[in-house]
N, C-alpha and C. Protein backbone atom coordinates (compact mmCIF):
# COMPACT_ATOMS: atom_id res chain seq x y z
N MET A 1 161.37 117.72 93.89
CA MET A 1 160.03 118.24 94.14
C MET A 1 159.31 117.28 95.08
N PRO A 2 158.77 117.78 96.18
CA PRO A 2 158.04 116.92 97.11
C PRO A 2 156.79 116.34 96.44
N ALA A 3 156.44 115.12 96.83
CA ALA A 3 155.30 114.43 96.24
C ALA A 3 154.00 115.19 96.44
N ASP A 4 153.87 115.92 97.56
CA ASP A 4 152.61 116.62 97.82
C ASP A 4 152.40 117.83 96.91
N SER A 5 153.42 118.24 96.15
CA SER A 5 153.25 119.38 95.25
C SER A 5 153.03 118.95 93.80
N LEU A 6 152.84 117.65 93.56
CA LEU A 6 152.62 117.19 92.19
C LEU A 6 151.38 117.81 91.57
N ASP A 7 150.39 118.15 92.40
CA ASP A 7 149.17 118.74 91.85
C ASP A 7 149.43 120.14 91.30
N ARG A 8 150.57 120.72 91.57
CA ARG A 8 150.92 122.04 91.03
C ARG A 8 152.02 121.93 89.97
N HIS A 9 152.43 120.73 89.62
CA HIS A 9 153.44 120.49 88.59
C HIS A 9 152.73 120.51 87.24
N LEU A 10 153.20 121.33 86.32
CA LEU A 10 152.49 121.55 85.06
C LEU A 10 152.18 120.25 84.31
N GLY A 11 153.17 119.41 84.14
CA GLY A 11 152.97 118.17 83.39
C GLY A 11 151.91 117.28 84.01
N PHE A 12 151.98 117.09 85.33
CA PHE A 12 151.00 116.26 86.02
C PHE A 12 149.61 116.90 85.95
N LEU A 13 149.56 118.20 86.14
CA LEU A 13 148.28 118.90 86.12
C LEU A 13 147.62 118.83 84.75
N LEU A 14 148.39 119.09 83.69
CA LEU A 14 147.83 118.98 82.34
C LEU A 14 147.33 117.57 82.06
N HIS A 15 148.11 116.57 82.46
CA HIS A 15 147.71 115.18 82.26
C HIS A 15 146.43 114.88 83.03
N ASP A 16 146.36 115.29 84.29
CA ASP A 16 145.17 115.02 85.10
C ASP A 16 143.93 115.69 84.54
N VAL A 17 144.05 116.95 84.13
CA VAL A 17 142.90 117.66 83.57
C VAL A 17 142.44 116.98 82.27
N ALA A 18 143.38 116.62 81.40
CA ALA A 18 143.02 115.94 80.15
C ALA A 18 142.35 114.60 80.45
N ARG A 19 142.88 113.85 81.41
CA ARG A 19 142.31 112.55 81.77
C ARG A 19 140.90 112.73 82.30
N LEU A 20 140.69 113.71 83.18
CA LEU A 20 139.37 113.94 83.75
C LEU A 20 138.37 114.42 82.69
N LEU A 21 138.82 115.25 81.76
CA LEU A 21 137.95 115.67 80.66
C LEU A 21 137.52 114.47 79.83
N ARG A 22 138.47 113.59 79.49
CA ARG A 22 138.14 112.39 78.71
C ARG A 22 137.17 111.50 79.48
N LYS A 23 137.44 111.31 80.77
CA LYS A 23 136.58 110.45 81.59
C LYS A 23 135.15 111.00 81.65
N ARG A 24 135.03 112.31 81.85
CA ARG A 24 133.70 112.92 81.93
C ARG A 24 132.99 112.83 80.59
N PHE A 25 133.71 113.08 79.49
CA PHE A 25 133.12 112.96 78.17
C PHE A 25 132.64 111.53 77.95
N GLU A 26 133.47 110.55 78.31
CA GLU A 26 133.09 109.15 78.13
C GLU A 26 131.83 108.80 78.91
N GLN A 27 131.70 109.35 80.12
CA GLN A 27 130.48 109.12 80.90
C GLN A 27 129.26 109.64 80.14
N LYS A 28 129.37 110.82 79.57
CA LYS A 28 128.27 111.42 78.83
C LYS A 28 127.98 110.67 77.52
N ALA A 29 129.03 110.15 76.88
CA ALA A 29 128.90 109.53 75.56
C ALA A 29 128.63 108.03 75.62
N ARG A 30 128.53 107.50 76.81
CA ARG A 30 128.39 106.04 76.98
C ARG A 30 127.25 105.46 76.15
N GLY A 31 126.15 106.15 76.03
CA GLY A 31 124.99 105.63 75.31
C GLY A 31 125.07 105.71 73.80
N MET A 32 126.14 106.27 73.27
CA MET A 32 126.26 106.44 71.82
C MET A 32 126.67 105.15 71.11
N GLY A 33 127.19 104.19 71.85
CA GLY A 33 127.60 102.93 71.24
C GLY A 33 128.94 102.98 70.54
N LEU A 34 129.75 103.99 70.85
CA LEU A 34 131.08 104.12 70.25
C LEU A 34 132.14 104.07 71.34
N THR A 35 133.29 103.53 71.01
CA THR A 35 134.41 103.59 71.93
C THR A 35 135.07 104.97 71.81
N ARG A 36 135.92 105.29 72.78
CA ARG A 36 136.64 106.57 72.72
C ARG A 36 137.47 106.63 71.45
N ALA A 37 138.13 105.54 71.12
CA ALA A 37 138.97 105.52 69.92
C ALA A 37 138.12 105.77 68.67
N GLN A 38 136.93 105.21 68.62
CA GLN A 38 136.07 105.40 67.45
C GLN A 38 135.60 106.85 67.33
N TRP A 39 135.17 107.46 68.43
CA TRP A 39 134.72 108.85 68.29
C TRP A 39 135.88 109.78 68.02
N GLN A 40 137.09 109.44 68.49
CA GLN A 40 138.24 110.28 68.16
C GLN A 40 138.55 110.20 66.67
N VAL A 41 138.45 108.99 66.10
CA VAL A 41 138.67 108.84 64.66
C VAL A 41 137.63 109.63 63.89
N LEU A 42 136.36 109.52 64.27
CA LEU A 42 135.30 110.26 63.57
C LEU A 42 135.54 111.77 63.67
N ALA A 43 135.90 112.24 64.84
CA ALA A 43 136.11 113.68 65.03
C ALA A 43 137.26 114.18 64.17
N HIS A 44 138.35 113.45 64.14
CA HIS A 44 139.49 113.88 63.32
C HIS A 44 139.20 113.72 61.84
N LEU A 45 138.47 112.69 61.49
CA LEU A 45 138.11 112.50 60.08
C LEU A 45 137.19 113.62 59.60
N ALA A 46 136.35 114.14 60.48
CA ALA A 46 135.48 115.26 60.11
C ALA A 46 136.31 116.47 59.69
N ARG A 47 137.46 116.65 60.31
CA ARG A 47 138.34 117.77 59.97
C ARG A 47 139.21 117.48 58.76
N HIS A 48 139.43 116.21 58.46
CA HIS A 48 140.39 115.83 57.42
C HIS A 48 139.79 114.83 56.44
N GLU A 49 138.55 115.04 56.06
CA GLU A 49 137.92 114.10 55.14
C GLU A 49 138.72 113.99 53.85
N GLY A 50 138.84 112.76 53.34
CA GLY A 50 139.59 112.52 52.13
C GLY A 50 141.05 112.18 52.41
N ILE A 51 141.44 112.15 53.68
CA ILE A 51 142.81 111.80 54.05
C ILE A 51 143.03 110.30 53.85
N HIS A 52 144.27 109.91 53.66
CA HIS A 52 144.55 108.48 53.56
C HIS A 52 144.80 107.92 54.97
N GLN A 53 144.71 106.61 55.09
CA GLN A 53 144.78 105.96 56.40
C GLN A 53 146.07 106.27 57.14
N GLY A 54 147.20 106.27 56.44
CA GLY A 54 148.48 106.55 57.09
C GLY A 54 148.54 107.96 57.65
N GLY A 55 147.99 108.91 56.91
CA GLY A 55 147.97 110.30 57.39
C GLY A 55 147.12 110.46 58.63
N LEU A 56 145.98 109.76 58.67
CA LEU A 56 145.11 109.83 59.85
C LEU A 56 145.78 109.16 61.05
N ALA A 57 146.48 108.06 60.82
CA ALA A 57 147.21 107.39 61.91
C ALA A 57 148.25 108.35 62.49
N ASP A 58 148.94 109.11 61.63
CA ASP A 58 149.93 110.08 62.10
C ASP A 58 149.27 111.15 62.96
N ILE A 59 148.15 111.69 62.51
CA ILE A 59 147.44 112.73 63.27
C ILE A 59 147.02 112.21 64.64
N LEU A 60 146.52 110.98 64.67
CA LEU A 60 146.04 110.38 65.92
C LEU A 60 147.17 109.85 66.79
N ASP A 61 148.37 109.77 66.22
CA ASP A 61 149.54 109.25 66.92
C ASP A 61 149.30 107.81 67.37
N ILE A 62 148.78 106.99 66.43
CA ILE A 62 148.58 105.57 66.69
C ILE A 62 149.17 104.77 65.54
N GLU A 63 149.42 103.51 65.79
CA GLU A 63 149.97 102.64 64.76
C GLU A 63 148.94 102.41 63.66
N PRO A 64 149.36 102.35 62.41
CA PRO A 64 148.42 102.13 61.31
C PRO A 64 147.56 100.87 61.48
N ILE A 65 148.12 99.80 62.00
CA ILE A 65 147.34 98.57 62.17
C ILE A 65 146.23 98.76 63.20
N THR A 66 146.49 99.55 64.22
CA THR A 66 145.47 99.86 65.22
C THR A 66 144.34 100.65 64.56
N LEU A 67 144.70 101.62 63.74
CA LEU A 67 143.70 102.42 63.04
C LEU A 67 142.87 101.55 62.11
N VAL A 68 143.51 100.63 61.41
CA VAL A 68 142.78 99.77 60.47
C VAL A 68 141.67 99.02 61.19
N ARG A 69 141.94 98.50 62.37
CA ARG A 69 140.92 97.77 63.13
C ARG A 69 139.74 98.69 63.50
N ILE A 70 140.06 99.92 63.91
CA ILE A 70 139.01 100.88 64.25
C ILE A 70 138.20 101.22 63.01
N LEU A 71 138.89 101.47 61.90
CA LEU A 71 138.20 101.79 60.64
C LEU A 71 137.33 100.64 60.17
N ASP A 72 137.79 99.41 60.35
CA ASP A 72 136.98 98.25 59.97
C ASP A 72 135.65 98.26 60.72
N ARG A 73 135.70 98.56 62.02
CA ARG A 73 134.46 98.59 62.82
C ARG A 73 133.55 99.76 62.40
N LEU A 74 134.16 100.91 62.15
CA LEU A 74 133.36 102.07 61.72
C LEU A 74 132.75 101.83 60.34
N GLU A 75 133.49 101.17 59.47
CA GLU A 75 132.97 100.85 58.14
C GLU A 75 131.83 99.83 58.25
N ALA A 76 131.99 98.84 59.12
CA ALA A 76 130.93 97.85 59.33
C ALA A 76 129.66 98.49 59.89
N ALA A 77 129.82 99.56 60.65
CA ALA A 77 128.68 100.30 61.20
C ALA A 77 128.16 101.34 60.22
N SER A 78 128.70 101.37 59.01
CA SER A 78 128.30 102.32 57.96
C SER A 78 128.51 103.78 58.35
N LEU A 79 129.57 104.05 59.13
CA LEU A 79 129.87 105.41 59.54
C LEU A 79 130.98 106.05 58.69
N ILE A 80 131.81 105.22 58.08
CA ILE A 80 132.85 105.72 57.19
C ILE A 80 132.88 104.86 55.94
N GLU A 81 133.52 105.40 54.91
CA GLU A 81 133.77 104.60 53.72
C GLU A 81 135.19 104.85 53.25
N ARG A 82 135.77 103.81 52.68
CA ARG A 82 137.11 103.90 52.11
C ARG A 82 136.95 103.97 50.60
N ARG A 83 137.61 104.93 50.00
CA ARG A 83 137.55 105.08 48.55
C ARG A 83 138.95 104.95 47.97
N SER A 84 139.02 104.47 46.78
CA SER A 84 140.31 104.35 46.10
C SER A 84 140.82 105.73 45.72
N HIS A 85 142.14 105.87 45.76
CA HIS A 85 142.80 107.10 45.32
C HIS A 85 142.78 107.12 43.80
N ALA A 86 142.64 108.30 43.22
CA ALA A 86 142.53 108.42 41.77
C ALA A 86 143.78 107.95 41.02
N THR A 87 144.95 108.16 41.60
CA THR A 87 146.17 107.83 40.87
C THR A 87 147.08 106.81 41.58
N ASP A 88 146.81 106.53 42.85
CA ASP A 88 147.66 105.60 43.60
C ASP A 88 146.79 104.49 44.18
N ARG A 89 146.85 103.34 43.55
CA ARG A 89 145.99 102.22 43.95
C ARG A 89 146.28 101.73 45.36
N ARG A 90 147.45 102.03 45.90
CA ARG A 90 147.80 101.58 47.25
C ARG A 90 147.06 102.37 48.33
N LEU A 91 146.66 103.58 48.02
CA LEU A 91 146.04 104.46 49.02
C LEU A 91 144.53 104.29 49.06
N ARG A 92 144.01 104.30 50.29
CA ARG A 92 142.57 104.30 50.51
C ARG A 92 142.23 105.61 51.22
N LEU A 93 141.32 106.37 50.65
CA LEU A 93 140.93 107.65 51.22
C LEU A 93 139.69 107.46 52.08
N LEU A 94 139.61 108.21 53.17
CA LEU A 94 138.56 108.02 54.16
C LEU A 94 137.55 109.15 54.11
N TYR A 95 136.27 108.75 54.16
CA TYR A 95 135.17 109.71 54.14
C TYR A 95 134.11 109.29 55.14
N LEU A 96 133.45 110.28 55.69
CA LEU A 96 132.30 110.02 56.55
C LEU A 96 131.10 109.70 55.69
N THR A 97 130.20 108.88 56.21
CA THR A 97 128.94 108.63 55.53
C THR A 97 127.89 109.57 56.12
N PRO A 98 126.76 109.72 55.44
CA PRO A 98 125.70 110.56 56.01
C PRO A 98 125.25 110.10 57.40
N LYS A 99 125.35 108.81 57.67
CA LYS A 99 124.95 108.27 58.98
C LYS A 99 125.85 108.80 60.10
N ALA A 100 127.08 109.19 59.80
CA ALA A 100 128.02 109.65 60.82
C ALA A 100 127.71 111.07 61.30
N HIS A 101 127.10 111.88 60.46
CA HIS A 101 126.92 113.30 60.80
C HIS A 101 126.07 113.54 62.04
N PRO A 102 124.94 112.85 62.24
CA PRO A 102 124.21 113.06 63.50
C PRO A 102 125.02 112.65 64.74
N LEU A 103 125.83 111.61 64.62
CA LEU A 103 126.69 111.21 65.73
C LEU A 103 127.73 112.29 66.03
N LEU A 104 128.29 112.87 64.98
CA LEU A 104 129.26 113.94 65.17
C LEU A 104 128.63 115.15 65.85
N GLU A 105 127.40 115.46 65.48
CA GLU A 105 126.71 116.57 66.15
C GLU A 105 126.57 116.29 67.64
N GLN A 106 126.26 115.04 67.99
CA GLN A 106 126.19 114.65 69.40
C GLN A 106 127.55 114.77 70.07
N ILE A 107 128.59 114.32 69.39
CA ILE A 107 129.94 114.39 69.93
C ILE A 107 130.31 115.84 70.23
N TRP A 108 130.05 116.74 69.27
CA TRP A 108 130.39 118.16 69.47
C TRP A 108 129.59 118.74 70.64
N ARG A 109 128.29 118.38 70.71
CA ARG A 109 127.44 118.89 71.80
C ARG A 109 127.94 118.40 73.16
N LEU A 110 128.23 117.11 73.25
CA LEU A 110 128.73 116.56 74.51
C LEU A 110 130.10 117.15 74.87
N GLY A 111 130.92 117.38 73.86
CA GLY A 111 132.21 118.02 74.11
C GLY A 111 132.03 119.43 74.67
N ALA A 112 131.10 120.19 74.10
CA ALA A 112 130.84 121.55 74.58
C ALA A 112 130.31 121.52 76.01
N GLU A 113 129.42 120.58 76.30
CA GLU A 113 128.89 120.46 77.67
C GLU A 113 130.00 120.13 78.65
N THR A 114 130.87 119.22 78.26
CA THR A 114 131.97 118.81 79.13
C THR A 114 132.92 119.97 79.38
N ARG A 115 133.24 120.71 78.33
CA ARG A 115 134.12 121.89 78.50
C ARG A 115 133.48 122.91 79.43
N GLU A 116 132.17 123.12 79.28
CA GLU A 116 131.49 124.09 80.15
C GLU A 116 131.55 123.65 81.61
N GLU A 117 131.38 122.35 81.85
CA GLU A 117 131.51 121.85 83.22
C GLU A 117 132.91 122.14 83.76
N ALA A 118 133.92 121.87 82.95
CA ALA A 118 135.30 122.06 83.38
C ALA A 118 135.62 123.54 83.61
N LEU A 119 135.02 124.42 82.82
CA LEU A 119 135.34 125.85 82.88
C LEU A 119 134.35 126.64 83.75
N ASN A 120 133.46 125.94 84.42
CA ASN A 120 132.46 126.59 85.28
C ASN A 120 133.16 127.50 86.30
N GLY A 121 132.70 128.74 86.37
CA GLY A 121 133.26 129.69 87.33
C GLY A 121 134.52 130.40 86.86
N ILE A 122 134.96 130.09 85.67
CA ILE A 122 136.16 130.74 85.12
C ILE A 122 135.70 131.82 84.15
N SER A 123 136.15 133.03 84.35
CA SER A 123 135.69 134.16 83.54
C SER A 123 136.08 133.99 82.07
N ALA A 124 135.37 134.70 81.21
CA ALA A 124 135.67 134.66 79.77
C ALA A 124 137.10 135.12 79.51
N ALA A 125 137.54 136.14 80.23
CA ALA A 125 138.91 136.64 80.04
C ALA A 125 139.94 135.58 80.45
N ASP A 126 139.68 134.90 81.56
CA ASP A 126 140.61 133.85 82.00
C ASP A 126 140.59 132.67 81.05
N ARG A 127 139.44 132.37 80.49
CA ARG A 127 139.34 131.29 79.50
C ARG A 127 140.20 131.63 78.28
N GLU A 128 140.07 132.86 77.81
CA GLU A 128 140.86 133.29 76.65
C GLU A 128 142.35 133.25 76.96
N GLN A 129 142.72 133.68 78.16
CA GLN A 129 144.13 133.66 78.56
C GLN A 129 144.64 132.23 78.64
N LEU A 130 143.83 131.33 79.15
CA LEU A 130 144.22 129.92 79.23
C LEU A 130 144.49 129.36 77.83
N ILE A 131 143.58 129.62 76.90
CA ILE A 131 143.74 129.13 75.52
C ILE A 131 145.00 129.75 74.90
N ALA A 132 145.19 131.04 75.09
CA ALA A 132 146.37 131.71 74.52
C ALA A 132 147.66 131.13 75.10
N THR A 133 147.66 130.87 76.38
CA THR A 133 148.85 130.30 77.03
C THR A 133 149.13 128.90 76.50
N LEU A 134 148.11 128.07 76.42
CA LEU A 134 148.31 126.70 75.91
C LEU A 134 148.76 126.71 74.45
N LEU A 135 148.19 127.60 73.64
CA LEU A 135 148.63 127.70 72.24
C LEU A 135 150.09 128.13 72.14
N ALA A 136 150.49 129.05 73.00
CA ALA A 136 151.89 129.49 73.00
C ALA A 136 152.81 128.35 73.42
N MET A 137 152.39 127.59 74.44
CA MET A 137 153.19 126.44 74.87
C MET A 137 153.30 125.41 73.75
N LYS A 138 152.20 125.15 73.08
CA LYS A 138 152.20 124.19 71.97
C LYS A 138 153.16 124.65 70.88
N ALA A 139 153.07 125.93 70.52
CA ALA A 139 153.94 126.47 69.47
C ALA A 139 155.41 126.37 69.89
N ASN A 140 155.70 126.68 71.16
CA ASN A 140 157.08 126.57 71.65
C ASN A 140 157.60 125.15 71.52
N LEU A 141 156.78 124.19 71.90
CA LEU A 141 157.21 122.79 71.85
C LEU A 141 157.36 122.29 70.42
N ILE A 142 156.47 122.73 69.55
CA ILE A 142 156.59 122.35 68.14
C ILE A 142 157.86 122.94 67.55
N GLN A 143 158.10 124.22 67.82
CA GLN A 143 159.28 124.90 67.30
C GLN A 143 160.55 124.26 67.85
N THR A 144 160.58 123.99 69.14
CA THR A 144 161.75 123.38 69.76
C THR A 144 161.96 121.98 69.20
N GLY A 145 160.91 121.22 69.08
CA GLY A 145 161.01 119.86 68.55
C GLY A 145 161.49 119.84 67.12
N ALA A 146 161.07 120.82 66.33
CA ALA A 146 161.48 120.88 64.93
C ALA A 146 162.92 121.34 64.78
N SER A 147 163.41 122.13 65.75
CA SER A 147 164.76 122.68 65.60
C SER A 147 165.83 121.81 66.24
N VAL A 148 165.43 120.84 67.05
CA VAL A 148 166.40 119.98 67.70
C VAL A 148 166.90 118.95 66.70
N ALA A 149 168.18 118.93 66.49
CA ALA A 149 168.77 117.98 65.55
C ALA A 149 168.83 116.60 66.18
N ALA A 150 168.73 115.60 65.35
CA ALA A 150 168.86 114.23 65.83
C ALA A 150 170.28 114.02 66.34
N PRO A 151 170.41 113.21 67.40
CA PRO A 151 171.76 112.99 67.92
C PRO A 151 172.64 112.31 66.87
N ALA A 152 173.90 112.68 66.88
CA ALA A 152 174.85 112.10 65.92
C ALA A 152 175.01 110.62 66.19
N GLN A 153 175.06 109.86 65.15
CA GLN A 153 175.25 108.42 65.27
C GLN A 153 176.74 108.15 65.40
N PRO A 154 177.09 107.23 66.31
CA PRO A 154 178.51 106.89 66.41
C PRO A 154 178.99 106.26 65.12
N GLN A 155 180.18 106.58 64.75
CA GLN A 155 180.73 106.03 63.52
C GLN A 155 181.71 104.93 63.84
N ASP A 156 181.67 103.90 63.02
CA ASP A 156 182.62 102.80 63.19
C ASP A 156 183.97 103.22 62.64
N HIS A 157 184.99 102.93 63.38
CA HIS A 157 186.36 103.20 62.93
C HIS A 157 187.08 101.87 62.84
N ASP A 158 187.31 101.38 61.64
CA ASP A 158 187.98 100.09 61.46
C ASP A 158 189.47 100.24 61.51
């Protein structure tokens, strides 16, 4: 594939659009006093309140130790709290505090504004088709990833 056609290559295009969306959101959210990692944790925690730290790290696709540092900062800012699990003392469950909810409302509003900027001039029908296509691609990749067997390990022959 010639280098000048990379802007029409699906993988590069999806990556560029996602990067530009994040960059624009970050510009808008700069005054909130949160890092991108922190607002991503808050946003995912809003959907999965009561989850344990390891489960949230899996959802975010980050190392648990990285998440712990982010959670420490959010807890110090009184935006989240860690609670003990009822039956497993090793687990800490994560919850938003009341102080986090106004910030989340701002995050959702800024996200909606950013999406509208990105989708400006695109018809409602095309927007729906775009979402349907991306959902189908996601489902295909999840299905393919789940059905692909791990490669066989070589066996030692003594």
